[in-house]
């Protein structure tokens, strides 16, 4: 089992940048693909981005494509979400998630991920 802890959230003005981190422990991080999801108040949790176990493949929601960048450092057991040009509609709790590297389910589906962090709040002011 892998344990995930997010950090790096905060309150920023629109147009600013933030980098979220997801620290993994418990199992070999490179055995897992990783995703980021977010949940705004009153809304369902939604896919943001995902990255394969080695980092060679990345996937993004249309709403963040070109503004957000997902990456990982397996030597540090850490994944990242670089968020640029933030908008008020990016305000949400951001969760990192992990799944076995060999799993072939949809990258953007919540049910494809078996491990979740506790979330970190990102608030973008207008």
Protein backbone atom coordinates (compact mmCIF):
# COMPACT_ATOMS: atom_id res chain seq x y z
CA UNK A 1 0.00 0.00 0.00
CA UNK A 2 1.20 3.50 -0.79
CA UNK A 3 0.53 6.50 1.45
CA UNK A 4 0.14 9.92 -0.19
CA UNK A 5 0.46 13.38 1.35
CA UNK A 6 -0.19 16.57 -0.60
CA UNK A 7 1.29 19.97 0.17
CA UNK A 8 1.77 23.36 -1.42
CA UNK A 9 -1.78 24.69 -1.50
CA UNK A 10 -2.65 28.23 -0.53
CA UNK A 11 -4.40 31.48 -1.37
CA UNK A 12 -3.14 33.30 -4.46
CA UNK A 13 -4.45 36.05 -6.76
CA UNK A 14 -5.64 35.22 -10.24
CA UNK A 15 -2.79 34.90 -12.69
CA UNK A 16 -0.35 33.60 -10.11
CA UNK A 17 1.31 30.20 -9.92
CA UNK A 18 1.48 27.39 -7.39
CA UNK A 19 3.26 24.07 -7.27
CA UNK A 20 1.63 21.19 -5.44
CA UNK A 21 3.64 18.25 -4.19
CA UNK A 22 2.56 14.71 -3.46
CA UNK A 23 4.91 12.75 -1.22
CA UNK A 24 4.56 8.98 -1.38
CA UNK A 25 5.65 6.43 1.19
CA UNK A 26 5.12 2.79 1.98
CA UNK A 27 5.79 1.24 -1.41
CA UNK A 28 8.08 1.81 -4.37
CA UNK A 29 6.72 4.96 -5.96
CA UNK A 30 7.79 3.96 -9.45
CA UNK A 31 5.38 1.01 -9.29
CA UNK A 32 2.50 3.46 -9.50
CA UNK A 33 1.05 5.85 -11.99
CA UNK A 34 -0.16 9.08 -10.45
CA UNK A 35 -3.02 11.47 -10.95
CA UNK A 36 -4.31 14.78 -9.64
CA UNK A 37 -7.98 15.46 -9.10
CA UNK A 38 -9.84 18.40 -7.60
CA UNK A 39 -13.15 19.05 -5.94
CA UNK A 40 -14.78 22.45 -5.69
CA UNK A 41 -17.53 23.16 -3.14
CA UNK A 42 -20.80 21.61 -4.22
CA UNK A 43 -19.23 19.84 -7.20
CA UNK A 44 -18.04 16.36 -7.95
CA UNK A 45 -14.40 15.46 -7.84
CA UNK A 46 -12.89 15.87 -11.30
CA UNK A 47 -9.79 14.80 -13.15
CA UNK A 48 -6.98 17.32 -13.57
CA UNK A 49 -3.89 15.48 -14.80
CA UNK A 50 -2.12 12.12 -14.74
CA UNK A 51 1.34 10.75 -15.39
CA UNK A 52 2.62 7.27 -16.12
CA UNK A 53 4.97 5.46 -13.75
CA UNK A 54 8.10 6.58 -15.58
CA UNK A 55 6.86 10.02 -16.54
CA UNK A 56 6.91 9.43 -20.28
CA UNK A 57 3.15 9.87 -20.71
CA UNK A 58 1.02 12.70 -19.36
CA UNK A 59 -2.68 13.48 -19.62
CA UNK A 60 -4.61 16.66 -18.89
CA UNK A 61 -8.16 17.86 -18.56
CA UNK A 62 -9.05 20.37 -21.26
CA UNK A 63 -9.69 23.01 -18.61
CA UNK A 64 -6.04 23.01 -17.48
CA UNK A 65 -4.20 22.07 -20.66
CA UNK A 66 -1.48 24.58 -21.40
CA UNK A 67 -1.57 26.02 -17.87
CA UNK A 68 -0.81 23.04 -15.62
CA UNK A 69 2.08 20.62 -15.82
CA UNK A 70 2.37 17.26 -14.05
CA UNK A 71 5.71 15.69 -13.28
CA UNK A 72 7.35 13.25 -10.90
CA UNK A 73 10.70 12.45 -9.35
CA UNK A 74 10.81 8.75 -8.52
CA UNK A 75 14.14 9.12 -6.74
CA UNK A 76 12.40 11.49 -4.29
CA UNK A 77 9.12 9.54 -4.21
CA UNK A 78 7.33 12.76 -5.07
CA UNK A 79 4.91 13.94 -7.71
CA UNK A 80 4.21 17.53 -8.66
CA UNK A 81 1.53 19.68 -10.22
CA UNK A 82 2.79 23.03 -11.50
CA UNK A 83 -0.14 25.39 -11.89
CA UNK A 84 0.31 28.61 -13.87
CA UNK A 85 -2.10 31.38 -14.86
CA UNK A 86 -4.46 30.37 -12.10
CA UNK A 87 -8.11 31.35 -12.37
CA UNK A 88 -10.80 31.69 -9.70
CA UNK A 89 -12.48 28.61 -11.18
CA UNK A 90 -9.38 26.60 -10.26
CA UNK A 91 -10.35 27.02 -6.60
CA UNK A 92 -10.80 23.55 -5.10
CA UNK A 93 -9.32 20.92 -2.85
CA UNK A 94 -6.65 19.13 -4.86
CA UNK A 95 -6.02 15.44 -4.33
CA UNK A 96 -3.24 13.25 -5.59
CA UNK A 97 -4.00 9.63 -6.35
CA UNK A 98 -2.05 6.54 -7.33
CA UNK A 99 -2.72 3.28 -9.13
CA UNK A 100 -0.68 0.30 -10.14
CA UNK A 101 1.51 1.08 -13.15
CA UNK A 102 0.13 -1.91 -15.06
CA UNK A 103 -3.52 -0.92 -14.63
CA UNK A 104 -5.19 -0.14 -17.95
CA UNK A 105 -8.27 1.76 -16.81
CA UNK A 106 -9.12 5.28 -17.90
CA UNK A 107 -6.66 7.90 -16.73
CA UNK A 108 -9.40 10.35 -15.93
CA UNK A 109 -11.66 8.04 -13.92
CA UNK A 110 -11.74 8.20 -10.12
CA UNK A 111 -12.37 4.48 -9.86
CA UNK A 112 -9.08 3.77 -11.64
CA UNK A 113 -7.14 4.96 -8.59
CA UNK A 114 -6.92 2.95 -5.41
CA UNK A 115 -4.88 5.30 -3.25
CA UNK A 116 -5.67 8.88 -2.31
CA UNK A 117 -4.15 11.68 -0.29
CA UNK A 118 -6.07 13.87 2.12
CA UNK A 119 -6.10 16.90 -0.18
CA UNK A 120 -4.73 20.43 -0.12
CA UNK A 121 -6.79 23.60 -0.55
CA UNK A 122 -6.10 25.94 -3.43
CA UNK A 123 -7.96 29.25 -3.44
CA UNK A 124 -7.61 31.72 -6.29
CA UNK A 125 -8.93 35.21 -5.67
CA UNK A 126 -10.27 37.41 -8.44
